[in-house]
Amino acid sequence: TVYLDMNILHPDDTAFYYCAAVSALRLSFRANFYNHWGQGTQVTV
């Protein structure tokens, strides 16, 4: 399991949050780089 610990949350952190995965060595913030996705979960601040 991977955990995301969020601290000092702001109202503008409110969003639907997703984890994603790919079998690759490089890192990327681009969504189309990943081919596996979690179902998402709502975070409201």
All heavy atoms as atom14 arrays in JSON, in Angstrom:
{
  "sequence": "TVYLDMNILHPDDTAFYYCAAVSALRLSFRANFYNHWGQGTQVTV",
  "atom14_mask": [
    [1, 1, 1, 1, 1, 1, 1, 0, 0, 0, 0, 0, 0, 0],
    [1, 1, 1, 1, 1, 1, 1, 0, 0, 0, 0, 0, 0, 0],
    [1, 1, 1, 1, 1, 1, 1, 1, 1, 1, 1, 1, 0, 0],
    [1, 1, 1, 1, 1, 1, 1, 1, 0, 0, 0, 0, 0, 0],
    [1, 1, 1, 1, 1, 1, 1, 1, 0, 0, 0, 0, 0, 0],
    [1, 1, 1, 1, 1, 1, 1, 1, 0, 0, 0, 0, 0, 0],
    [1, 1, 1, 1, 1, 1, 1, 1, 0, 0, 0, 0, 0, 0],
    [1, 1, 1, 1, 1, 1, 1, 1, 0, 0, 0, 0, 0, 0],
    [1, 1, 1, 1, 1, 1, 1, 1, 0, 0, 0, 0, 0, 0],
    [1, 1, 1, 1, 1, 1, 1, 1, 1, 1, 0, 0, 0, 0],
    [1, 1, 1, 1, 1, 1, 1, 0, 0, 0, 0, 0, 0, 0],
    [1, 1, 1, 1, 1, 1, 1, 1, 0, 0, 0, 0, 0, 0],
    [1, 1, 1, 1, 1, 1, 1, 1, 0, 0, 0, 0, 0, 0],
    [1, 1, 1, 1, 1, 1, 1, 0, 0, 0, 0, 0, 0, 0],
    [1, 1, 1, 1, 1, 0, 0, 0, 0, 0, 0, 0, 0, 0],
    [1, 1, 1, 1, 1, 1, 1, 1, 1, 1, 1, 0, 0, 0],
    [1, 1, 1, 1, 1, 1, 1, 1, 1, 1, 1, 1, 0, 0],
    [1, 1, 1, 1, 1, 1, 1, 1, 1, 1, 1, 1, 0, 0],
    [1, 1, 1, 1, 1, 1, 0, 0, 0, 0, 0, 0, 0, 0],
    [1, 1, 1, 1, 1, 0, 0, 0, 0, 0, 0, 0, 0, 0],
    [1, 1, 1, 1, 1, 0, 0, 0, 0, 0, 0, 0, 0, 0],
    [1, 1, 1, 1, 1, 1, 1, 0, 0, 0, 0, 0, 0, 0],
    [1, 1, 1, 1, 1, 1, 0, 0, 0, 0, 0, 0, 0, 0],
    [1, 1, 1, 1, 1, 0, 0, 0, 0, 0, 0, 0, 0, 0],
    [1, 1, 1, 1, 1, 1, 1, 1, 0, 0, 0, 0, 0, 0],
    [1, 1, 1, 1, 1, 1, 1, 1, 1, 1, 1, 0, 0, 0],
    [1, 1, 1, 1, 1, 1, 1, 1, 0, 0, 0, 0, 0, 0],
    [1, 1, 1, 1, 1, 1, 0, 0, 0, 0, 0, 0, 0, 0],
    [1, 1, 1, 1, 1, 1, 1, 1, 1, 1, 1, 0, 0, 0],
    [1, 1, 1, 1, 1, 1, 1, 1, 1, 1, 1, 0, 0, 0],
    [1, 1, 1, 1, 1, 0, 0, 0, 0, 0, 0, 0, 0, 0],
    [1, 1, 1, 1, 1, 1, 1, 1, 0, 0, 0, 0, 0, 0],
    [1, 1, 1, 1, 1, 1, 1, 1, 1, 1, 1, 0, 0, 0],
    [1, 1, 1, 1, 1, 1, 1, 1, 1, 1, 1, 1, 0, 0],
    [1, 1, 1, 1, 1, 1, 1, 1, 0, 0, 0, 0, 0, 0],
    [1, 1, 1, 1, 1, 1, 1, 1, 1, 1, 0, 0, 0, 0],
    [1, 1, 1, 1, 1, 1, 1, 1, 1, 1, 1, 1, 1, 1],
    [1, 1, 1, 1, 0, 0, 0, 0, 0, 0, 0, 0, 0, 0],
    [1, 1, 1, 1, 1, 1, 1, 1, 1, 0, 0, 0, 0, 0],
    [1, 1, 1, 1, 0, 0, 0, 0, 0, 0, 0, 0, 0, 0],
    [1, 1, 1, 1, 1, 1, 1, 0, 0, 0, 0, 0, 0, 0],
    [1, 1, 1, 1, 1, 1, 1, 1, 1, 0, 0, 0, 0, 0],
    [1, 1, 1, 1, 1, 1, 1, 0, 0, 0, 0, 0, 0, 0],
    [1, 1, 1, 1, 1, 1, 1, 0, 0, 0, 0, 0, 0, 0],
    [1, 1, 1, 1, 1, 1, 1, 0, 0, 0, 0, 0, 0, 0]
  ],
  "atom14_positions": [
    [[0.83, -1.2, 0.0], [0.0, 0.0, 0.0], [0.87, 1.25, 0.0], [1.87, 1.32, 0.71], [-0.92, 0.01, 1.23], [-1.8, -1.12, 1.18], [-1.75, 1.28, 1.29], [0.0, 0.0, 0.0], [0.0, 0.0, 0.0], [0.0, 0.0, 0.0], [0.0, 0.0, 0.0], [0.0, 0.0, 0.0], [0.0, 0.0, 0.0], [0.0, 0.0, 0.0]],
    [[0.45, 2.22, -0.79], [1.05, 3.55, -0.79], [0.12, 4.5, -0.05], [-1.1, 4.46, -0.24], [1.3, 4.05, -2.22], [1.74, 5.51, -2.22], [2.35, 3.19, -2.91], [0.0, 0.0, 0.0], [0.0, 0.0, 0.0], [0.0, 0.0, 0.0], [0.0, 0.0, 0.0], [0.0, 0.0, 0.0], [0.0, 0.0, 0.0], [0.0, 0.0, 0.0]],
    [[0.69, 5.35, 0.78], [-0.08, 6.31, 1.55], [0.24, 7.73, 1.1], [1.38, 8.04, 0.75], [0.21, 6.17, 3.04], [-0.3, 4.89, 3.64], [0.51, 3.76, 3.71], [-1.6, 4.8, 4.13], [0.04, 2.58, 4.25], [-2.07, 3.63, 4.67], [-1.26, 2.52, 4.74], [-1.73, 1.34, 5.27], [0.0, 0.0, 0.0], [0.0, 0.0, 0.0]],
    [[-0.77, 8.56, 1.13], [-0.62, 9.98, 0.92], [-1.05, 10.68, 2.2], [-2.23, 10.67, 2.55], [-1.47, 10.47, -0.26], [-1.48, 11.98, -0.49], [-0.1, 12.47, -0.92], [-2.54, 12.36, -1.51], [0.0, 0.0, 0.0], [0.0, 0.0, 0.0], [0.0, 0.0, 0.0], [0.0, 0.0, 0.0], [0.0, 0.0, 0.0], [0.0, 0.0, 0.0]],
    [[-0.09, 11.26, 2.9], [-0.36, 12.01, 4.12], [-0.43, 13.49, 3.79], [0.55, 14.06, 3.31], [0.71, 11.74, 5.17], [0.76, 10.3, 5.61], [-0.31, 9.71, 5.82], [1.87, 9.75, 5.74], [0.0, 0.0, 0.0], [0.0, 0.0, 0.0], [0.0, 0.0, 0.0], [0.0, 0.0, 0.0], [0.0, 0.0, 0.0], [0.0, 0.0, 0.0]],
    [[-1.57, 14.1, 4.04], [-1.81, 15.49, 3.71], [-1.94, 16.29, 5.0], [-2.74, 15.94, 5.87], [-3.08, 15.63, 2.86], [-3.03, 14.84, 1.56], [-4.54, 15.04, 0.57], [-5.69, 14.1, 1.59], [0.0, 0.0, 0.0], [0.0, 0.0, 0.0], [0.0, 0.0, 0.0], [0.0, 0.0, 0.0], [0.0, 0.0, 0.0], [0.0, 0.0, 0.0]],
    [[-1.16, 17.36, 5.1], [-1.14, 18.2, 6.28], [-1.36, 19.65, 5.9], [-1.13, 20.06, 4.76], [0.19, 18.05, 7.02], [0.47, 16.63, 7.44], [-0.22, 16.08, 8.29], [1.5, 16.03, 6.84], [0.0, 0.0, 0.0], [0.0, 0.0, 0.0], [0.0, 0.0, 0.0], [0.0, 0.0, 0.0], [0.0, 0.0, 0.0], [0.0, 0.0, 0.0]],
    [[-1.78, 20.44, 6.87], [-2.02, 21.87, 6.7], [-2.88, 22.08, 5.45], [-2.55, 22.83, 4.54], [-0.7, 22.67, 6.6], [0.32, 22.16, 7.62], [-0.96, 24.16, 6.85], [1.67, 22.82, 7.53], [0.0, 0.0, 0.0], [0.0, 0.0, 0.0], [0.0, 0.0, 0.0], [0.0, 0.0, 0.0], [0.0, 0.0, 0.0], [0.0, 0.0, 0.0]],
    [[-4.0, 21.41, 5.43], [-4.87, 21.43, 4.26], [-5.54, 22.79, 4.09], [-5.91, 23.45, 5.06], [-5.91, 20.33, 4.37], [-5.38, 18.92, 4.08], [-6.32, 17.87, 4.64], [-5.18, 18.74, 2.58], [0.0, 0.0, 0.0], [0.0, 0.0, 0.0], [0.0, 0.0, 0.0], [0.0, 0.0, 0.0], [0.0, 0.0, 0.0], [0.0, 0.0, 0.0]],
    [[-5.69, 23.18, 2.84], [-6.34, 24.44, 2.46], [-7.65, 24.14, 1.76], [-7.83, 23.08, 1.17], [-5.44, 25.24, 1.51], [-4.07, 25.48, 2.02], [-2.99, 25.64, 1.19], [-3.59, 25.61, 3.28], [-1.9, 25.86, 1.9], [-2.24, 25.84, 3.18], [0.0, 0.0, 0.0], [0.0, 0.0, 0.0], [0.0, 0.0, 0.0], [0.0, 0.0, 0.0]],
    [[-8.58, 25.09, 1.76], [-9.82, 24.89, 0.99], [-9.56, 24.6, -0.49], [-10.32, 23.82, -1.09], [-10.56, 26.21, 1.18], [-10.12, 26.68, 2.52], [-8.67, 26.29, 2.61], [0.0, 0.0, 0.0], [0.0, 0.0, 0.0], [0.0, 0.0, 0.0], [0.0, 0.0, 0.0], [0.0, 0.0, 0.0], [0.0, 0.0, 0.0], [0.0, 0.0, 0.0]],
    [[-8.51, 25.18, -1.06], [-8.23, 24.91, -2.47], [-7.59, 23.55, -2.71], [-7.28, 23.2, -3.85], [-7.39, 26.02, -3.1], [-6.06, 26.26, -2.42], [-5.72, 25.52, -1.47], [-5.35, 27.2, -2.82], [0.0, 0.0, 0.0], [0.0, 0.0, 0.0], [0.0, 0.0, 0.0], [0.0, 0.0, 0.0], [0.0, 0.0, 0.0], [0.0, 0.0, 0.0]],
    [[-7.37, 22.76, -1.66], [-7.0, 21.36, -1.82], [-8.21, 20.48, -2.08], [-8.06, 19.29, -2.37], [-6.28, 20.84, -0.57], [-4.91, 21.47, -0.37], [-4.18, 21.64, -1.36], [-4.57, 21.77, 0.79], [0.0, 0.0, 0.0], [0.0, 0.0, 0.0], [0.0, 0.0, 0.0], [0.0, 0.0, 0.0], [0.0, 0.0, 0.0], [0.0, 0.0, 0.0]],
    [[-9.41, 21.04, -1.96], [-10.62, 20.28, -2.2], [-10.65, 19.76, -3.63], [-10.54, 20.53, -4.58], [-11.86, 21.14, -1.93], [-11.89, 21.5, -0.54], [-13.13, 20.38, -2.26], [0.0, 0.0, 0.0], [0.0, 0.0, 0.0], [0.0, 0.0, 0.0], [0.0, 0.0, 0.0], [0.0, 0.0, 0.0], [0.0, 0.0, 0.0], [0.0, 0.0, 0.0]],
    [[-10.81, 18.46, -3.79], [-10.79, 17.84, -5.11], [-11.09, 16.35, -4.96], [-11.16, 15.82, -3.85], [-9.43, 18.02, -5.79], [0.0, 0.0, 0.0], [0.0, 0.0, 0.0], [0.0, 0.0, 0.0], [0.0, 0.0, 0.0], [0.0, 0.0, 0.0], [0.0, 0.0, 0.0], [0.0, 0.0, 0.0], [0.0, 0.0, 0.0], [0.0, 0.0, 0.0]],
    [[-11.28, 15.71, -6.1], [-11.34, 14.26, -6.15], [-9.93, 13.75, -6.38], [-9.27, 14.14, -7.34], [-12.28, 13.81, -7.27], [-12.96, 12.5, -7.02], [-14.0, 12.41, -6.11], [-12.58, 11.37, -7.7], [-14.64, 11.21, -5.87], [-13.21, 10.16, -7.47], [-14.25, 10.08, -6.55], [0.0, 0.0, 0.0], [0.0, 0.0, 0.0], [0.0, 0.0, 0.0]],
    [[-9.45, 12.88, -5.51], [-8.06, 12.44, -5.53], [-7.94, 11.03, -6.09], [-8.71, 10.13, -5.73], [-7.48, 12.48, -4.12], [-7.09, 13.86, -3.67], [-8.06, 14.83, -3.41], [-5.75, 14.22, -3.51], [-7.71, 16.1, -3.01], [-5.4, 15.49, -3.1], [-6.38, 16.42, -2.85], [-6.02, 17.69, -2.45], [0.0, 0.0, 0.0], [0.0, 0.0, 0.0]],
    [[-6.94, 10.83, -6.95], [-6.69, 9.55, -7.59], [-5.25, 9.12, -7.39], [-4.34, 9.94, -7.45], [-6.93, 9.62, -9.11], [-8.3, 10.04, -9.55], [-8.62, 11.38, -9.71], [-9.27, 9.09, -9.85], [-9.87, 11.77, -10.14], [-10.52, 9.48, -10.28], [-10.82, 10.82, -10.42], [-12.07, 11.2, -10.86], [0.0, 0.0, 0.0], [0.0, 0.0, 0.0]],
    [[-5.04, 7.83, -7.21], [-3.71, 7.27, -7.39], [-3.66, 6.56, -8.73], [-4.67, 6.11, -9.26], [-3.33, 6.3, -6.26], [-4.32, 4.81, -6.11], [0.0, 0.0, 0.0], [0.0, 0.0, 0.0], [0.0, 0.0, 0.0], [0.0, 0.0, 0.0], [0.0, 0.0, 0.0], [0.0, 0.0, 0.0], [0.0, 0.0, 0.0], [0.0, 0.0, 0.0]],
    [[-2.48, 6.5, -9.3], [-2.28, 5.89, -10.6], [-0.94, 5.16, -10.6], [-0.05, 5.46, -9.81], [-2.32, 6.94, -11.71], [0.0, 0.0, 0.0], [0.0, 0.0, 0.0], [0.0, 0.0, 0.0], [0.0, 0.0, 0.0], [0.0, 0.0, 0.0], [0.0, 0.0, 0.0], [0.0, 0.0, 0.0], [0.0, 0.0, 0.0], [0.0, 0.0, 0.0]],
    [[-0.8, 4.19, -11.51], [0.41, 3.38, -11.55], [0.79, 3.04, -12.98], [-0.06, 2.98, -13.87], [0.22, 2.09, -10.75], [0.0, 0.0, 0.0], [0.0, 0.0, 0.0], [0.0, 0.0, 0.0], [0.0, 0.0, 0.0], [0.0, 0.0, 0.0], [0.0, 0.0, 0.0], [0.0, 0.0, 0.0], [0.0, 0.0, 0.0], [0.0, 0.0, 0.0]],
    [[2.08, 2.79, -13.17], [2.59, 2.37, -14.46], [3.89, 1.61, -14.23], [4.63, 1.89, -13.28], [2.82, 3.58, -15.4], [3.91, 4.5, -14.86], [3.15, 3.11, -16.81], [0.0, 0.0, 0.0], [0.0, 0.0, 0.0], [0.0, 0.0, 0.0], [0.0, 0.0, 0.0], [0.0, 0.0, 0.0], [0.0, 0.0, 0.0], [0.0, 0.0, 0.0]],
    [[4.15, 0.62, -15.1], [5.4, -0.14, -15.03], [6.46, 0.59, -15.85], [6.76, 0.24, -16.99], [5.2, -1.57, -15.54], [4.28, -2.28, -14.74], [0.0, 0.0, 0.0], [0.0, 0.0, 0.0], [0.0, 0.0, 0.0], [0.0, 0.0, 0.0], [0.0, 0.0, 0.0], [0.0, 0.0, 0.0], [0.0, 0.0, 0.0], [0.0, 0.0, 0.0]],
    [[7.01, 1.61, -15.25], [8.02, 2.42, -15.91], [8.98, 2.94, -14.85], [8.62, 3.08, -13.68], [7.4, 3.58, -16.68], [0.0, 0.0, 0.0], [0.0, 0.0, 0.0], [0.0, 0.0, 0.0], [0.0, 0.0, 0.0], [0.0, 0.0, 0.0], [0.0, 0.0, 0.0], [0.0, 0.0, 0.0], [0.0, 0.0, 0.0], [0.0, 0.0, 0.0]],
    [[10.18, 3.25, -15.28], [11.2, 3.74, -14.36], [11.16, 5.26, -14.2], [11.5, 5.77, -13.13], [12.59, 3.32, -14.83], [12.88, 1.82, -14.79], [14.25, 1.54, -15.39], [12.8, 1.29, -13.37], [0.0, 0.0, 0.0], [0.0, 0.0, 0.0], [0.0, 0.0, 0.0], [0.0, 0.0, 0.0], [0.0, 0.0, 0.0], [0.0, 0.0, 0.0]],
    [[10.77, 5.97, -15.23], [10.74, 7.43, -15.15], [9.56, 7.91, -14.33], [8.59, 7.18, -14.08], [10.7, 8.04, -16.54], [9.45, 7.7, -17.33], [9.29, 8.63, -18.52], [9.0, 9.99, -18.09], [8.62, 10.95, -18.91], [8.5, 10.72, -20.22], [8.37, 12.17, -18.44], [0.0, 0.0, 0.0], [0.0, 0.0, 0.0], [0.0, 0.0, 0.0]],
    [[9.62, 9.17, -13.92], [8.55, 9.82, -13.18], [7.86, 10.84, -14.07], [8.49, 11.47, -14.91], [9.1, 10.52, -11.93], [9.89, 9.64, -10.95], [10.39, 10.48, -9.78], [9.04, 8.49, -10.46], [0.0, 0.0, 0.0], [0.0, 0.0, 0.0], [0.0, 0.0, 0.0], [0.0, 0.0, 0.0], [0.0, 0.0, 0.0], [0.0, 0.0, 0.0]],
    [[6.56, 11.0, -13.87], [5.8, 11.94, -14.67], [4.57, 12.41, -13.92], [3.95, 11.65, -13.18], [5.39, 11.32, -16.01], [4.6, 12.22, -16.77], [0.0, 0.0, 0.0], [0.0, 0.0, 0.0], [0.0, 0.0, 0.0], [0.0, 0.0, 0.0], [0.0, 0.0, 0.0], [0.0, 0.0, 0.0], [0.0, 0.0, 0.0], [0.0, 0.0, 0.0]],
    [[4.21, 13.69, -14.12], [2.97, 14.24, -13.6], [1.86, 14.26, -14.65], [0.78, 14.79, -14.4], [3.19, 15.67, -13.09], [4.02, 15.75, -11.85], [5.02, 16.71, -11.73], [3.81, 14.89, -10.79], [5.79, 16.8, -10.59], [4.58, 14.96, -9.64], [5.57, 15.92, -9.54], [0.0, 0.0, 0.0], [0.0, 0.0, 0.0], [0.0, 0.0, 0.0]],
    [[2.1, 13.7, -15.82], [1.1, 13.69, -16.89], [0.21, 12.47, -16.78], [0.68, 11.34, -16.69], [1.78, 13.75, -18.26], [2.52, 15.06, -18.49], [2.81, 15.29, -19.95], [3.83, 14.38, -20.45], [4.33, 14.42, -21.67], [3.88, 15.33, -22.54], [5.24, 13.55, -22.04], [0.0, 0.0, 0.0], [0.0, 0.0, 0.0], [0.0, 0.0, 0.0]],
    [[-1.1, 12.7, -16.81], [-2.06, 11.63, -16.58], [-1.96, 10.53, -17.63], [-2.13, 9.35, -17.3], [-3.48, 12.2, -16.54], [0.0, 0.0, 0.0], [0.0, 0.0, 0.0], [0.0, 0.0, 0.0], [0.0, 0.0, 0.0], [0.0, 0.0, 0.0], [0.0, 0.0, 0.0], [0.0, 0.0, 0.0], [0.0, 0.0, 0.0], [0.0, 0.0, 0.0]],
    [[-1.69, 10.9, -18.88], [-1.68, 9.89, -19.94], [-0.45, 8.99, -19.88], [-0.35, 8.05, -20.67], [-1.81, 10.53, -21.32], [-0.7, 11.5, -21.65], [0.3, 11.59, -20.93], [-0.87, 12.21, -22.75], [0.0, 0.0, 0.0], [0.0, 0.0, 0.0], [0.0, 0.0, 0.0], [0.0, 0.0, 0.0], [0.0, 0.0, 0.0], [0.0, 0.0, 0.0]],
    [[0.45, 9.24, -18.97], [1.6, 8.38, -18.76], [1.22, 7.1, -18.02], [1.9, 6.08, -18.15], [2.68, 9.15, -17.99], [3.94, 8.38, -17.71], [4.81, 8.04, -18.73], [4.27, 8.01, -16.42], [5.98, 7.35, -18.47], [5.43, 7.32, -16.14], [6.29, 6.99, -17.18], [0.0, 0.0, 0.0], [0.0, 0.0, 0.0], [0.0, 0.0, 0.0]],
    [[0.13, 7.14, -17.25], [-0.26, 6.03, -16.39], [-1.37, 5.21, -17.03], [-2.25, 5.75, -17.69], [-0.71, 6.58, -15.03], [0.39, 7.3, -14.3], [0.63, 8.65, -14.52], [1.19, 6.62, -13.4], [1.66, 9.3, -13.86], [2.22, 7.26, -12.74], [2.45, 8.6, -12.98], [3.48, 9.24, -12.32], [0.0, 0.0, 0.0], [0.0, 0.0, 0.0]],
    [[-1.34, 3.9, -16.8], [-2.34, 3.02, -17.38], [-3.17, 2.25, -16.36], [-4.03, 1.46, -16.73], [-1.69, 2.04, -18.37], [-0.62, 1.16, -17.73], [-0.23, 1.35, -16.58], [-0.15, 0.18, -18.49], [0.0, 0.0, 0.0], [0.0, 0.0, 0.0], [0.0, 0.0, 0.0], [0.0, 0.0, 0.0], [0.0, 0.0, 0.0], [0.0, 0.0, 0.0]],
    [[-2.93, 2.48, -15.07], [-3.74, 1.9, -14.02], [-4.18, 3.02, -13.09], [-3.36, 3.85, -12.69], [-2.97, 0.84, -13.22], [-2.4, -0.27, -14.06], [-3.2, -1.22, -14.66], [-1.13, -0.57, -14.42], [-2.44, -2.07, -15.33], [-1.18, -1.69, -15.21], [0.0, 0.0, 0.0], [0.0, 0.0, 0.0], [0.0, 0.0, 0.0], [0.0, 0.0, 0.0]],
    [[-5.47, 3.01, -12.73], [-6.03, 4.09, -11.93], [-6.9, 3.56, -10.8], [-7.64, 2.59, -10.98], [-6.88, 5.03, -12.8], [-6.06, 5.85, -13.73], [-5.6, 5.49, -14.96], [-5.6, 7.18, -13.5], [-4.87, 6.51, -15.5], [-4.86, 7.56, -14.63], [-5.75, 8.08, -12.44], [-4.26, 8.81, -14.74], [-5.16, 9.32, -12.54], [-4.43, 9.68, -13.68]],
    [[-6.79, 4.21, -9.65], [-7.73, 3.95, -8.58], [-9.08, 4.55, -8.88], [-9.24, 5.33, -9.83], [0.0, 0.0, 0.0], [0.0, 0.0, 0.0], [0.0, 0.0, 0.0], [0.0, 0.0, 0.0], [0.0, 0.0, 0.0], [0.0, 0.0, 0.0], [0.0, 0.0, 0.0], [0.0, 0.0, 0.0], [0.0, 0.0, 0.0], [0.0, 0.0, 0.0]],
    [[-10.07, 4.21, -8.06], [-11.43, 4.69, -8.31], [-11.62, 6.14, -7.87], [-12.62, 6.76, -8.23], [-12.45, 3.8, -7.59], [-12.65, 4.09, -6.09], [-11.58, 3.48, -5.19], [-10.56, 2.98, -5.65], [-11.83, 3.53, -3.88], [0.0, 0.0, 0.0], [0.0, 0.0, 0.0], [0.0, 0.0, 0.0], [0.0, 0.0, 0.0], [0.0, 0.0, 0.0]],
    [[-10.68, 6.66, -7.12], [-10.75, 8.03, -6.65], [-11.51, 8.16, -5.34], [-12.32, 7.31, -4.98], [0.0, 0.0, 0.0], [0.0, 0.0, 0.0], [0.0, 0.0, 0.0], [0.0, 0.0, 0.0], [0.0, 0.0, 0.0], [0.0, 0.0, 0.0], [0.0, 0.0, 0.0], [0.0, 0.0, 0.0], [0.0, 0.0, 0.0], [0.0, 0.0, 0.0]],
    [[-11.24, 9.23, -4.63], [-11.93, 9.51, -3.38], [-12.01, 11.01, -3.17], [-11.07, 11.75, -3.5], [-11.21, 8.81, -2.2], [-11.96, 8.99, -0.99], [-9.81, 9.35, -2.0], [0.0, 0.0, 0.0], [0.0, 0.0, 0.0], [0.0, 0.0, 0.0], [0.0, 0.0, 0.0], [0.0, 0.0, 0.0], [0.0, 0.0, 0.0], [0.0, 0.0, 0.0]],
    [[-13.12, 11.47, -2.63], [-13.35, 12.9, -2.45], [-12.68, 13.41, -1.19], [-12.83, 12.82, -0.11], [-14.85, 13.2, -2.4], [-15.19, 14.67, -2.18], [-14.83, 15.54, -3.37], [-14.98, 15.12, -4.52], [-14.34, 16.75, -3.09], [0.0, 0.0, 0.0], [0.0, 0.0, 0.0], [0.0, 0.0, 0.0], [0.0, 0.0, 0.0], [0.0, 0.0, 0.0]],
    [[-11.96, 14.52, -1.32], [-11.39, 15.23, -0.19], [-11.98, 16.63, -0.18], [-11.85, 17.37, -1.16], [-9.86, 15.29, -0.26], [-9.3, 16.19, 0.85], [-9.26, 13.9, -0.16], [0.0, 0.0, 0.0], [0.0, 0.0, 0.0], [0.0, 0.0, 0.0], [0.0, 0.0, 0.0], [0.0, 0.0, 0.0], [0.0, 0.0, 0.0], [0.0, 0.0, 0.0]],
    [[-12.63, 16.99, 0.9], [-13.25, 18.3, 1.03], [-12.67, 19.0, 2.24], [-12.71, 18.48, 3.36], [-14.78, 18.19, 1.18], [-15.32, 17.51, 0.04], [-15.41, 19.57, 1.29], [0.0, 0.0, 0.0], [0.0, 0.0, 0.0], [0.0, 0.0, 0.0], [0.0, 0.0, 0.0], [0.0, 0.0, 0.0], [0.0, 0.0, 0.0], [0.0, 0.0, 0.0]],
    [[-12.13, 20.2, 2.03], [-11.54, 21.0, 3.09], [-12.43, 22.21, 3.3], [-12.5, 23.1, 2.44], [-10.1, 21.42, 2.76], [-9.48, 22.16, 3.95], [-9.26, 20.21, 2.39], [0.0, 0.0, 0.0], [0.0, 0.0, 0.0], [0.0, 0.0, 0.0], [0.0, 0.0, 0.0], [0.0, 0.0, 0.0], [0.0, 0.0, 0.0], [0.0, 0.0, 0.0]]
  ]
}
